[in-house]
All heavy atoms as atom14 arrays in JSON, in Angstrom:
{
  "sequence": "RILYVSSEVVPYLPETEISSMSFEAPRMVNKQGGQIRIFMPRYGNINE",
  "atom14_mask": [
    [1, 1, 1, 1, 1, 1, 1, 1, 1, 1, 1, 0, 0, 0],
    [1, 1, 1, 1, 1, 1, 1, 1, 0, 0, 0, 0, 0, 0],
    [1, 1, 1, 1, 1, 1, 1, 1, 0, 0, 0, 0, 0, 0],
    [1, 1, 1, 1, 1, 1, 1, 1, 1, 1, 1, 1, 0, 0],
    [1, 1, 1, 1, 1, 1, 1, 0, 0, 0, 0, 0, 0, 0],
    [1, 1, 1, 1, 1, 1, 0, 0, 0, 0, 0, 0, 0, 0],
    [1, 1, 1, 1, 1, 1, 0, 0, 0, 0, 0, 0, 0, 0],
    [1, 1, 1, 1, 1, 1, 1, 1, 1, 0, 0, 0, 0, 0],
    [1, 1, 1, 1, 1, 1, 1, 0, 0, 0, 0, 0, 0, 0],
    [1, 1, 1, 1, 1, 1, 1, 0, 0, 0, 0, 0, 0, 0],
    [1, 1, 1, 1, 1, 1, 1, 0, 0, 0, 0, 0, 0, 0],
    [1, 1, 1, 1, 1, 1, 1, 1, 1, 1, 1, 1, 0, 0],
    [1, 1, 1, 1, 1, 1, 1, 1, 0, 0, 0, 0, 0, 0],
    [1, 1, 1, 1, 1, 1, 1, 0, 0, 0, 0, 0, 0, 0],
    [1, 1, 1, 1, 1, 1, 1, 1, 1, 0, 0, 0, 0, 0],
    [1, 1, 1, 1, 1, 1, 1, 0, 0, 0, 0, 0, 0, 0],
    [1, 1, 1, 1, 1, 1, 1, 1, 1, 0, 0, 0, 0, 0],
    [1, 1, 1, 1, 1, 1, 1, 1, 0, 0, 0, 0, 0, 0],
    [1, 1, 1, 1, 1, 1, 0, 0, 0, 0, 0, 0, 0, 0],
    [1, 1, 1, 1, 1, 1, 0, 0, 0, 0, 0, 0, 0, 0],
    [1, 1, 1, 1, 1, 1, 1, 1, 0, 0, 0, 0, 0, 0],
    [1, 1, 1, 1, 1, 1, 0, 0, 0, 0, 0, 0, 0, 0],
    [1, 1, 1, 1, 1, 1, 1, 1, 1, 1, 1, 0, 0, 0],
    [1, 1, 1, 1, 1, 1, 1, 1, 1, 0, 0, 0, 0, 0],
    [1, 1, 1, 1, 1, 0, 0, 0, 0, 0, 0, 0, 0, 0],
    [1, 1, 1, 1, 1, 1, 1, 0, 0, 0, 0, 0, 0, 0],
    [1, 1, 1, 1, 1, 1, 1, 1, 1, 1, 1, 0, 0, 0],
    [1, 1, 1, 1, 1, 1, 1, 1, 0, 0, 0, 0, 0, 0],
    [1, 1, 1, 1, 1, 1, 1, 0, 0, 0, 0, 0, 0, 0],
    [1, 1, 1, 1, 1, 1, 1, 1, 0, 0, 0, 0, 0, 0],
    [1, 1, 1, 1, 1, 1, 1, 1, 1, 0, 0, 0, 0, 0],
    [1, 1, 1, 1, 1, 1, 1, 1, 1, 0, 0, 0, 0, 0],
    [1, 1, 1, 1, 0, 0, 0, 0, 0, 0, 0, 0, 0, 0],
    [1, 1, 1, 1, 0, 0, 0, 0, 0, 0, 0, 0, 0, 0],
    [1, 1, 1, 1, 1, 1, 1, 1, 1, 0, 0, 0, 0, 0],
    [1, 1, 1, 1, 1, 1, 1, 1, 0, 0, 0, 0, 0, 0],
    [1, 1, 1, 1, 1, 1, 1, 1, 1, 1, 1, 0, 0, 0],
    [1, 1, 1, 1, 1, 1, 1, 1, 0, 0, 0, 0, 0, 0],
    [1, 1, 1, 1, 1, 1, 1, 1, 1, 1, 1, 0, 0, 0],
    [1, 1, 1, 1, 1, 1, 1, 1, 0, 0, 0, 0, 0, 0],
    [1, 1, 1, 1, 1, 1, 1, 0, 0, 0, 0, 0, 0, 0],
    [1, 1, 1, 1, 1, 1, 1, 1, 1, 1, 1, 0, 0, 0],
    [1, 1, 1, 1, 1, 1, 1, 1, 1, 1, 1, 1, 0, 0],
    [1, 1, 1, 1, 0, 0, 0, 0, 0, 0, 0, 0, 0, 0],
    [1, 1, 1, 1, 1, 1, 1, 1, 0, 0, 0, 0, 0, 0],
    [1, 1, 1, 1, 1, 1, 1, 1, 0, 0, 0, 0, 0, 0],
    [1, 1, 1, 1, 1, 1, 1, 1, 0, 0, 0, 0, 0, 0],
    [1, 1, 1, 1, 1, 1, 1, 1, 1, 0, 0, 0, 0, 0]
  ],
  "atom14_positions": [
    [[-9.48, 33.4, 19.47], [-10.75, 32.97, 19.92], [-11.48, 32.13, 18.98], [-11.74, 32.66, 17.74], [-11.55, 34.4, 20.08], [-11.0, 35.29, 21.25], [-11.8, 36.45, 21.31], [-11.5, 37.27, 22.51], [-12.29, 38.16, 22.97], [-13.33, 38.57, 22.38], [-11.96, 38.84, 24.11], [0.0, 0.0, 0.0], [0.0, 0.0, 0.0], [0.0, 0.0, 0.0]],
    [[-12.02, 31.04, 19.42], [-12.61, 30.15, 18.43], [-13.98, 29.65, 19.08], [-14.11, 29.23, 20.17], [-11.8, 28.91, 18.05], [-10.44, 29.28, 17.48], [-12.57, 28.02, 17.15], [-9.62, 28.2, 16.82], [0.0, 0.0, 0.0], [0.0, 0.0, 0.0], [0.0, 0.0, 0.0], [0.0, 0.0, 0.0], [0.0, 0.0, 0.0], [0.0, 0.0, 0.0]],
    [[-14.98, 29.96, 18.29], [-16.36, 29.53, 18.75], [-16.83, 28.29, 17.92], [-16.81, 28.24, 16.69], [-17.38, 30.76, 18.28], [-18.9, 30.42, 18.46], [-19.24, 30.33, 19.88], [-19.61, 31.6, 17.72], [0.0, 0.0, 0.0], [0.0, 0.0, 0.0], [0.0, 0.0, 0.0], [0.0, 0.0, 0.0], [0.0, 0.0, 0.0], [0.0, 0.0, 0.0]],
    [[-17.12, 27.25, 18.77], [-17.46, 25.97, 18.23], [-19.1, 25.95, 18.24], [-19.55, 26.05, 19.43], [-16.89, 24.82, 18.91], [-15.41, 24.65, 18.45], [-14.43, 25.33, 19.22], [-15.08, 23.95, 17.38], [-13.15, 25.12, 18.84], [-13.66, 23.93, 17.04], [-12.78, 24.42, 17.67], [-11.3, 24.39, 17.38], [0.0, 0.0, 0.0], [0.0, 0.0, 0.0]],
    [[-19.72, 25.73, 17.12], [-21.1, 25.59, 17.29], [-21.5, 24.26, 16.63], [-21.21, 23.91, 15.48], [-21.79, 26.63, 16.33], [-23.39, 26.65, 16.52], [-21.23, 28.07, 16.66], [0.0, 0.0, 0.0], [0.0, 0.0, 0.0], [0.0, 0.0, 0.0], [0.0, 0.0, 0.0], [0.0, 0.0, 0.0], [0.0, 0.0, 0.0], [0.0, 0.0, 0.0]],
    [[-22.04, 23.38, 17.52], [-22.28, 22.02, 17.13], [-23.63, 21.5, 17.42], [-24.23, 21.92, 18.52], [-21.19, 21.15, 17.82], [-21.26, 19.82, 17.4], [0.0, 0.0, 0.0], [0.0, 0.0, 0.0], [0.0, 0.0, 0.0], [0.0, 0.0, 0.0], [0.0, 0.0, 0.0], [0.0, 0.0, 0.0], [0.0, 0.0, 0.0], [0.0, 0.0, 0.0]],
    [[-24.17, 20.58, 16.65], [-25.43, 19.93, 17.04], [-25.29, 18.84, 18.1], [-26.25, 18.57, 18.63], [-25.94, 19.26, 15.73], [-25.04, 18.28, 15.2], [0.0, 0.0, 0.0], [0.0, 0.0, 0.0], [0.0, 0.0, 0.0], [0.0, 0.0, 0.0], [0.0, 0.0, 0.0], [0.0, 0.0, 0.0], [0.0, 0.0, 0.0], [0.0, 0.0, 0.0]],
    [[-24.04, 18.49, 18.25], [-23.87, 17.52, 19.39], [-22.45, 17.57, 19.92], [-21.43, 17.71, 19.14], [-24.3, 15.97, 18.87], [-23.68, 15.67, 17.58], [-24.29, 14.35, 16.88], [-23.72, 13.25, 17.39], [-25.08, 14.54, 16.22], [0.0, 0.0, 0.0], [0.0, 0.0, 0.0], [0.0, 0.0, 0.0], [0.0, 0.0, 0.0], [0.0, 0.0, 0.0]],
    [[-22.24, 17.15, 21.19], [-20.9, 17.24, 21.82], [-20.77, 16.18, 22.83], [-21.71, 16.02, 23.69], [-20.6, 18.58, 22.42], [-19.25, 18.72, 23.0], [-20.83, 19.8, 21.56], [0.0, 0.0, 0.0], [0.0, 0.0, 0.0], [0.0, 0.0, 0.0], [0.0, 0.0, 0.0], [0.0, 0.0, 0.0], [0.0, 0.0, 0.0], [0.0, 0.0, 0.0]],
    [[-19.73, 15.38, 22.79], [-19.47, 14.59, 24.03], [-19.11, 15.36, 25.12], [-18.26, 16.35, 24.85], [-18.59, 13.27, 23.67], [-19.3, 12.35, 22.79], [-17.27, 13.71, 23.17], [0.0, 0.0, 0.0], [0.0, 0.0, 0.0], [0.0, 0.0, 0.0], [0.0, 0.0, 0.0], [0.0, 0.0, 0.0], [0.0, 0.0, 0.0], [0.0, 0.0, 0.0]],
    [[-19.18, 15.1, 26.43], [-19.82, 13.93, 26.98], [-21.37, 14.03, 27.08], [-22.01, 13.22, 27.78], [-19.31, 13.85, 28.36], [-19.09, 15.32, 28.74], [-18.82, 16.08, 27.54], [0.0, 0.0, 0.0], [0.0, 0.0, 0.0], [0.0, 0.0, 0.0], [0.0, 0.0, 0.0], [0.0, 0.0, 0.0], [0.0, 0.0, 0.0], [0.0, 0.0, 0.0]],
    [[-22.02, 14.94, 26.58], [-23.36, 15.37, 26.79], [-24.42, 14.42, 25.92], [-25.5, 14.21, 26.31], [-23.86, 16.78, 26.54], [-22.9, 17.7, 27.36], [-21.8, 18.39, 26.79], [-23.03, 17.72, 28.78], [-20.98, 19.12, 27.65], [-22.22, 18.71, 29.62], [-21.17, 19.24, 28.97], [-20.33, 19.85, 29.75], [0.0, 0.0, 0.0], [0.0, 0.0, 0.0]],
    [[-23.78, 13.94, 24.93], [-24.55, 12.9, 23.99], [-23.62, 11.86, 23.59], [-22.37, 11.96, 23.74], [-25.07, 13.72, 22.78], [-26.17, 14.8, 22.87], [-26.5, 15.53, 21.57], [-27.5, 14.15, 23.33], [0.0, 0.0, 0.0], [0.0, 0.0, 0.0], [0.0, 0.0, 0.0], [0.0, 0.0, 0.0], [0.0, 0.0, 0.0], [0.0, 0.0, 0.0]],
    [[-24.13, 10.74, 23.11], [-23.42, 9.62, 22.68], [-22.28, 10.0, 21.78], [-22.48, 11.01, 21.02], [-24.34, 8.6, 22.16], [-25.73, 8.95, 22.69], [-25.66, 10.49, 23.04], [0.0, 0.0, 0.0], [0.0, 0.0, 0.0], [0.0, 0.0, 0.0], [0.0, 0.0, 0.0], [0.0, 0.0, 0.0], [0.0, 0.0, 0.0], [0.0, 0.0, 0.0]],
    [[-21.41, 9.1, 21.6], [-20.12, 9.23, 20.76], [-20.57, 9.18, 19.34], [-20.95, 8.06, 18.94], [-18.98, 8.43, 21.23], [-17.62, 9.03, 20.8], [-16.51, 8.26, 21.58], [-16.62, 8.38, 22.84], [-15.59, 7.75, 20.87], [0.0, 0.0, 0.0], [0.0, 0.0, 0.0], [0.0, 0.0, 0.0], [0.0, 0.0, 0.0], [0.0, 0.0, 0.0]],
    [[-20.35, 10.07, 18.49], [-20.43, 10.0, 17.05], [-19.26, 10.73, 16.49], [-18.44, 11.4, 17.24], [-21.68, 10.71, 16.5], [-21.71, 12.03, 16.79], [-22.95, 10.04, 17.07], [0.0, 0.0, 0.0], [0.0, 0.0, 0.0], [0.0, 0.0, 0.0], [0.0, 0.0, 0.0], [0.0, 0.0, 0.0], [0.0, 0.0, 0.0], [0.0, 0.0, 0.0]],
    [[-19.1, 10.75, 15.2], [-18.05, 11.58, 14.51], [-18.23, 13.09, 14.87], [-17.26, 13.71, 15.34], [-18.0, 11.33, 12.88], [-17.17, 10.24, 12.55], [-17.27, 10.22, 10.99], [-18.09, 10.7, 10.25], [-16.18, 9.67, 10.43], [0.0, 0.0, 0.0], [0.0, 0.0, 0.0], [0.0, 0.0, 0.0], [0.0, 0.0, 0.0], [0.0, 0.0, 0.0]],
    [[-19.32, 13.5, 14.7], [-19.63, 14.97, 15.07], [-19.33, 15.2, 16.51], [-18.72, 16.23, 16.87], [-20.91, 15.43, 14.71], [-21.16, 15.32, 13.09], [-21.33, 16.83, 15.04], [-22.62, 15.55, 12.69], [0.0, 0.0, 0.0], [0.0, 0.0, 0.0], [0.0, 0.0, 0.0], [0.0, 0.0, 0.0], [0.0, 0.0, 0.0], [0.0, 0.0, 0.0]],
    [[-19.96, 14.41, 17.43], [-19.95, 14.84, 18.86], [-18.41, 14.68, 19.35], [-18.03, 15.41, 20.23], [-20.79, 13.86, 19.73], [-20.55, 12.57, 19.7], [0.0, 0.0, 0.0], [0.0, 0.0, 0.0], [0.0, 0.0, 0.0], [0.0, 0.0, 0.0], [0.0, 0.0, 0.0], [0.0, 0.0, 0.0], [0.0, 0.0, 0.0], [0.0, 0.0, 0.0]],
    [[-17.84, 13.71, 18.87], [-16.34, 13.49, 19.24], [-15.48, 14.63, 18.8], [-14.67, 15.23, 19.54], [-15.71, 12.19, 18.66], [-16.46, 11.08, 19.2], [0.0, 0.0, 0.0], [0.0, 0.0, 0.0], [0.0, 0.0, 0.0], [0.0, 0.0, 0.0], [0.0, 0.0, 0.0], [0.0, 0.0, 0.0], [0.0, 0.0, 0.0], [0.0, 0.0, 0.0]],
    [[-15.62, 14.99, 17.41], [-14.81, 16.02, 16.94], [-15.11, 17.44, 17.63], [-14.25, 18.36, 17.74], [-14.89, 16.18, 15.39], [-14.01, 15.16, 14.76], [-12.31, 14.99, 15.35], [-11.56, 16.6, 14.78], [0.0, 0.0, 0.0], [0.0, 0.0, 0.0], [0.0, 0.0, 0.0], [0.0, 0.0, 0.0], [0.0, 0.0, 0.0], [0.0, 0.0, 0.0]],
    [[-16.41, 17.67, 17.99], [-16.86, 18.84, 18.66], [-16.25, 18.98, 19.92], [-16.48, 20.0, 20.71], [-18.36, 18.79, 18.65], [-18.82, 18.75, 17.24], [0.0, 0.0, 0.0], [0.0, 0.0, 0.0], [0.0, 0.0, 0.0], [0.0, 0.0, 0.0], [0.0, 0.0, 0.0], [0.0, 0.0, 0.0], [0.0, 0.0, 0.0], [0.0, 0.0, 0.0]],
    [[-15.76, 17.91, 20.53], [-15.03, 17.89, 21.82], [-13.52, 17.88, 21.63], [-12.77, 18.76, 22.29], [-15.44, 16.65, 22.72], [-14.5, 16.49, 23.85], [-14.47, 17.27, 24.97], [-13.57, 15.4, 23.85], [-13.71, 17.09, 25.95], [-12.76, 15.23, 24.9], [-12.81, 15.98, 25.98], [0.0, 0.0, 0.0], [0.0, 0.0, 0.0], [0.0, 0.0, 0.0]],
    [[-12.97, 17.11, 20.63], [-11.64, 17.11, 20.55], [-10.92, 18.3, 19.93], [-9.79, 18.69, 20.36], [-11.21, 15.79, 19.64], [-11.46, 14.43, 20.16], [-10.78, 14.13, 21.44], [-9.69, 14.77, 21.68], [-11.09, 13.07, 22.07], [0.0, 0.0, 0.0], [0.0, 0.0, 0.0], [0.0, 0.0, 0.0], [0.0, 0.0, 0.0], [0.0, 0.0, 0.0]],
    [[-11.59, 18.98, 18.99], [-11.04, 20.1, 18.43], [-10.93, 21.33, 19.48], [-9.87, 21.84, 19.54], [-11.75, 20.54, 17.13], [0.0, 0.0, 0.0], [0.0, 0.0, 0.0], [0.0, 0.0, 0.0], [0.0, 0.0, 0.0], [0.0, 0.0, 0.0], [0.0, 0.0, 0.0], [0.0, 0.0, 0.0], [0.0, 0.0, 0.0], [0.0, 0.0, 0.0]],
    [[-12.01, 21.59, 20.09], [-11.84, 22.57, 21.12], [-10.74, 22.25, 22.39], [-10.09, 23.17, 22.71], [-13.34, 22.6, 21.83], [-14.15, 22.04, 20.78], [-13.39, 21.08, 20.1], [0.0, 0.0, 0.0], [0.0, 0.0, 0.0], [0.0, 0.0, 0.0], [0.0, 0.0, 0.0], [0.0, 0.0, 0.0], [0.0, 0.0, 0.0], [0.0, 0.0, 0.0]],
    [[-10.69, 20.98, 22.64], [-9.8, 20.6, 23.57], [-8.33, 20.95, 23.2], [-7.44, 21.46, 23.87], [-9.92, 19.19, 24.1], [-8.83, 18.7, 25.04], [-9.3, 17.33, 25.65], [-9.0, 16.17, 24.84], [-8.84, 15.01, 25.19], [-9.0, 14.61, 26.44], [-8.75, 14.0, 24.39], [0.0, 0.0, 0.0], [0.0, 0.0, 0.0], [0.0, 0.0, 0.0]],
    [[-8.14, 20.66, 21.86], [-6.74, 20.9, 21.26], [-6.46, 22.34, 21.21], [-5.46, 22.8, 21.73], [-6.82, 20.31, 19.84], [-5.62, 20.74, 19.05], [-5.97, 20.65, 17.19], [-6.78, 22.22, 16.78], [0.0, 0.0, 0.0], [0.0, 0.0, 0.0], [0.0, 0.0, 0.0], [0.0, 0.0, 0.0], [0.0, 0.0, 0.0], [0.0, 0.0, 0.0]],
    [[-7.3, 23.2, 20.87], [-7.16, 24.65, 20.9], [-6.93, 25.08, 22.3], [-6.09, 26.07, 22.61], [-8.37, 25.34, 20.15], [-8.1, 26.86, 20.28], [-8.36, 24.97, 18.7], [0.0, 0.0, 0.0], [0.0, 0.0, 0.0], [0.0, 0.0, 0.0], [0.0, 0.0, 0.0], [0.0, 0.0, 0.0], [0.0, 0.0, 0.0], [0.0, 0.0, 0.0]],
    [[-7.73, 24.6, 23.24], [-7.61, 25.01, 24.6], [-6.18, 24.67, 25.1], [-5.62, 25.53, 25.88], [-8.7, 24.2, 25.4], [-8.95, 24.84, 26.74], [-9.06, 26.04, 26.96], [-9.1, 23.89, 27.8], [0.0, 0.0, 0.0], [0.0, 0.0, 0.0], [0.0, 0.0, 0.0], [0.0, 0.0, 0.0], [0.0, 0.0, 0.0], [0.0, 0.0, 0.0]],
    [[-5.74, 23.61, 24.81], [-4.33, 23.15, 25.23], [-3.27, 24.01, 24.7], [-2.26, 24.2, 25.3], [-4.0, 21.65, 24.75], [-4.73, 20.61, 25.85], [-4.35, 19.32, 25.38], [-4.98, 18.31, 26.38], [-4.95, 16.91, 25.87], [0.0, 0.0, 0.0], [0.0, 0.0, 0.0], [0.0, 0.0, 0.0], [0.0, 0.0, 0.0], [0.0, 0.0, 0.0]],
    [[-3.55, 24.5, 23.49], [-2.54, 25.45, 22.84], [-2.75, 26.83, 23.31], [-2.05, 27.86, 22.66], [-2.86, 25.41, 21.23], [-2.52, 23.98, 20.6], [-2.79, 24.06, 19.17], [-3.19, 25.07, 18.58], [-2.7, 22.9, 18.58], [0.0, 0.0, 0.0], [0.0, 0.0, 0.0], [0.0, 0.0, 0.0], [0.0, 0.0, 0.0], [0.0, 0.0, 0.0]],
    [[-3.54, 27.16, 24.25], [-3.65, 28.5, 24.8], [-4.57, 29.38, 24.12], [-4.74, 30.6, 24.24], [0.0, 0.0, 0.0], [0.0, 0.0, 0.0], [0.0, 0.0, 0.0], [0.0, 0.0, 0.0], [0.0, 0.0, 0.0], [0.0, 0.0, 0.0], [0.0, 0.0, 0.0], [0.0, 0.0, 0.0], [0.0, 0.0, 0.0], [0.0, 0.0, 0.0]],
    [[-5.46, 28.78, 23.18], [-6.58, 29.51, 22.68], [-7.73, 29.7, 23.6], [-7.85, 29.07, 24.49], [0.0, 0.0, 0.0], [0.0, 0.0, 0.0], [0.0, 0.0, 0.0], [0.0, 0.0, 0.0], [0.0, 0.0, 0.0], [0.0, 0.0, 0.0], [0.0, 0.0, 0.0], [0.0, 0.0, 0.0], [0.0, 0.0, 0.0], [0.0, 0.0, 0.0]],
    [[-8.63, 30.64, 23.28], [-9.86, 30.92, 24.07], [-10.98, 30.22, 23.26], [-11.09, 30.57, 22.05], [-10.14, 32.37, 24.19], [-9.02, 33.14, 25.01], [-9.44, 34.63, 24.95], [-10.5, 34.99, 25.21], [-8.39, 35.47, 24.69], [0.0, 0.0, 0.0], [0.0, 0.0, 0.0], [0.0, 0.0, 0.0], [0.0, 0.0, 0.0], [0.0, 0.0, 0.0]],
    [[-11.88, 29.5, 24.02], [-12.99, 28.82, 23.13], [-14.29, 28.87, 24.03], [-14.24, 29.03, 25.14], [-12.6, 27.27, 22.82], [-12.28, 26.66, 24.25], [-11.48, 27.17, 21.95], [-12.45, 25.25, 24.19], [0.0, 0.0, 0.0], [0.0, 0.0, 0.0], [0.0, 0.0, 0.0], [0.0, 0.0, 0.0], [0.0, 0.0, 0.0], [0.0, 0.0, 0.0]],
    [[-15.29, 28.84, 23.12], [-16.68, 28.72, 23.63], [-17.17, 27.56, 22.78], [-17.03, 27.58, 21.55], [-17.44, 30.02, 23.37], [-16.96, 31.24, 24.15], [-17.45, 31.26, 25.52], [-17.17, 32.53, 26.13], [-16.04, 32.97, 26.61], [-14.98, 32.18, 26.66], [-15.82, 34.09, 27.22], [0.0, 0.0, 0.0], [0.0, 0.0, 0.0], [0.0, 0.0, 0.0]],
    [[-18.08, 26.83, 23.27], [-18.8, 25.77, 22.66], [-20.37, 26.02, 22.82], [-20.79, 26.23, 24.05], [-18.47, 24.36, 23.09], [-16.97, 24.02, 23.01], [-19.27, 23.2, 22.34], [-16.59, 22.73, 23.68], [0.0, 0.0, 0.0], [0.0, 0.0, 0.0], [0.0, 0.0, 0.0], [0.0, 0.0, 0.0], [0.0, 0.0, 0.0], [0.0, 0.0, 0.0]],
    [[-21.05, 25.94, 21.75], [-22.43, 26.03, 21.91], [-23.19, 24.79, 21.32], [-22.71, 24.23, 20.18], [-22.98, 27.24, 21.11], [-23.04, 28.5, 21.8], [-21.73, 29.22, 21.99], [-24.1, 29.08, 22.37], [-21.64, 30.45, 22.61], [-23.89, 30.2, 23.22], [-22.9, 31.0, 23.21], [0.0, 0.0, 0.0], [0.0, 0.0, 0.0], [0.0, 0.0, 0.0]],
    [[-24.21, 24.28, 21.9], [-25.01, 23.08, 21.45], [-26.4, 23.3, 21.87], [-26.67, 24.11, 22.75], [-24.34, 21.84, 21.86], [-24.49, 21.51, 23.29], [-23.89, 19.84, 23.83], [-25.16, 18.8, 23.0], [0.0, 0.0, 0.0], [0.0, 0.0, 0.0], [0.0, 0.0, 0.0], [0.0, 0.0, 0.0], [0.0, 0.0, 0.0], [0.0, 0.0, 0.0]],
    [[-27.41, 22.56, 21.29], [-28.76, 22.58, 21.68], [-28.87, 21.88, 23.12], [-28.13, 20.87, 23.25], [-29.6, 21.84, 20.59], [-28.64, 21.84, 19.43], [-27.24, 21.77, 20.04], [0.0, 0.0, 0.0], [0.0, 0.0, 0.0], [0.0, 0.0, 0.0], [0.0, 0.0, 0.0], [0.0, 0.0, 0.0], [0.0, 0.0, 0.0], [0.0, 0.0, 0.0]],
    [[-29.86, 22.31, 23.95], [-30.14, 21.52, 25.13], [-31.27, 20.52, 24.91], [-32.4, 20.84, 25.25], [-30.55, 22.52, 26.23], [-30.13, 22.05, 27.61], [-30.87, 20.85, 28.1], [-32.27, 21.15, 28.3], [-33.12, 20.32, 28.74], [-32.81, 18.97, 28.94], [-34.49, 20.52, 28.85], [0.0, 0.0, 0.0], [0.0, 0.0, 0.0], [0.0, 0.0, 0.0]],
    [[-31.02, 19.43, 24.26], [-31.86, 18.49, 24.01], [-32.5, 17.96, 25.26], [-31.84, 17.91, 26.35], [-31.45, 17.29, 23.15], [-30.79, 17.65, 21.83], [-29.5, 17.7, 21.55], [-31.54, 18.04, 20.75], [-28.7, 18.03, 20.49], [-30.91, 18.42, 19.56], [-29.59, 18.35, 19.4], [-29.01, 18.72, 18.18], [0.0, 0.0, 0.0], [0.0, 0.0, 0.0]],
    [[-33.82, 17.37, 25.22], [-34.37, 16.83, 26.47], [-33.83, 15.66, 27.0], [-34.04, 15.2, 28.14], [0.0, 0.0, 0.0], [0.0, 0.0, 0.0], [0.0, 0.0, 0.0], [0.0, 0.0, 0.0], [0.0, 0.0, 0.0], [0.0, 0.0, 0.0], [0.0, 0.0, 0.0], [0.0, 0.0, 0.0], [0.0, 0.0, 0.0], [0.0, 0.0, 0.0]],
    [[-32.94, 14.96, 26.22], [-32.33, 13.76, 26.64], [-30.89, 13.87, 27.19], [-30.12, 13.02, 27.66], [-32.16, 12.63, 25.55], [-31.45, 13.18, 24.34], [-31.22, 14.41, 24.15], [-31.1, 12.3, 23.45], [0.0, 0.0, 0.0], [0.0, 0.0, 0.0], [0.0, 0.0, 0.0], [0.0, 0.0, 0.0], [0.0, 0.0, 0.0], [0.0, 0.0, 0.0]],
    [[-30.56, 15.14, 27.45], [-29.4, 15.55, 28.22], [-29.68, 15.6, 29.67], [-30.68, 16.35, 30.03], [-28.63, 16.89, 27.64], [-28.24, 16.83, 26.3], [-27.57, 17.31, 28.7], [-27.83, 18.07, 25.65], [0.0, 0.0, 0.0], [0.0, 0.0, 0.0], [0.0, 0.0, 0.0], [0.0, 0.0, 0.0], [0.0, 0.0, 0.0], [0.0, 0.0, 0.0]],
    [[-28.9, 14.81, 30.48], [-29.14, 14.75, 31.99], [-28.59, 16.07, 32.62], [-27.54, 16.23, 32.8], [-28.7, 13.54, 32.5], [-29.04, 13.31, 33.96], [-29.09, 14.14, 34.76], [-29.33, 12.09, 34.28], [0.0, 0.0, 0.0], [0.0, 0.0, 0.0], [0.0, 0.0, 0.0], [0.0, 0.0, 0.0], [0.0, 0.0, 0.0], [0.0, 0.0, 0.0]],
    [[-29.54, 17.02, 32.92], [-29.01, 18.32, 33.52], [-28.48, 18.04, 34.96], [-27.5, 18.69, 35.2], [-30.31, 19.28, 33.71], [-30.85, 19.69, 32.31], [-31.48, 20.99, 32.37], [-31.45, 21.63, 33.49], [-32.08, 21.42, 31.43], [0.0, 0.0, 0.0], [0.0, 0.0, 0.0], [0.0, 0.0, 0.0], [0.0, 0.0, 0.0], [0.0, 0.0, 0.0]]
  ]
}
């Protein structure tokens, strides 16, 4: 079980080193059969 806590994640925010790795690392663990949760802030510029 891996909890990812990030200030930014793609595809919800533009691509940066942080937002990309905050997506790629969970995706990798997910593919390996791990259980994951991702948390990020709900900034006002995220299109709900």
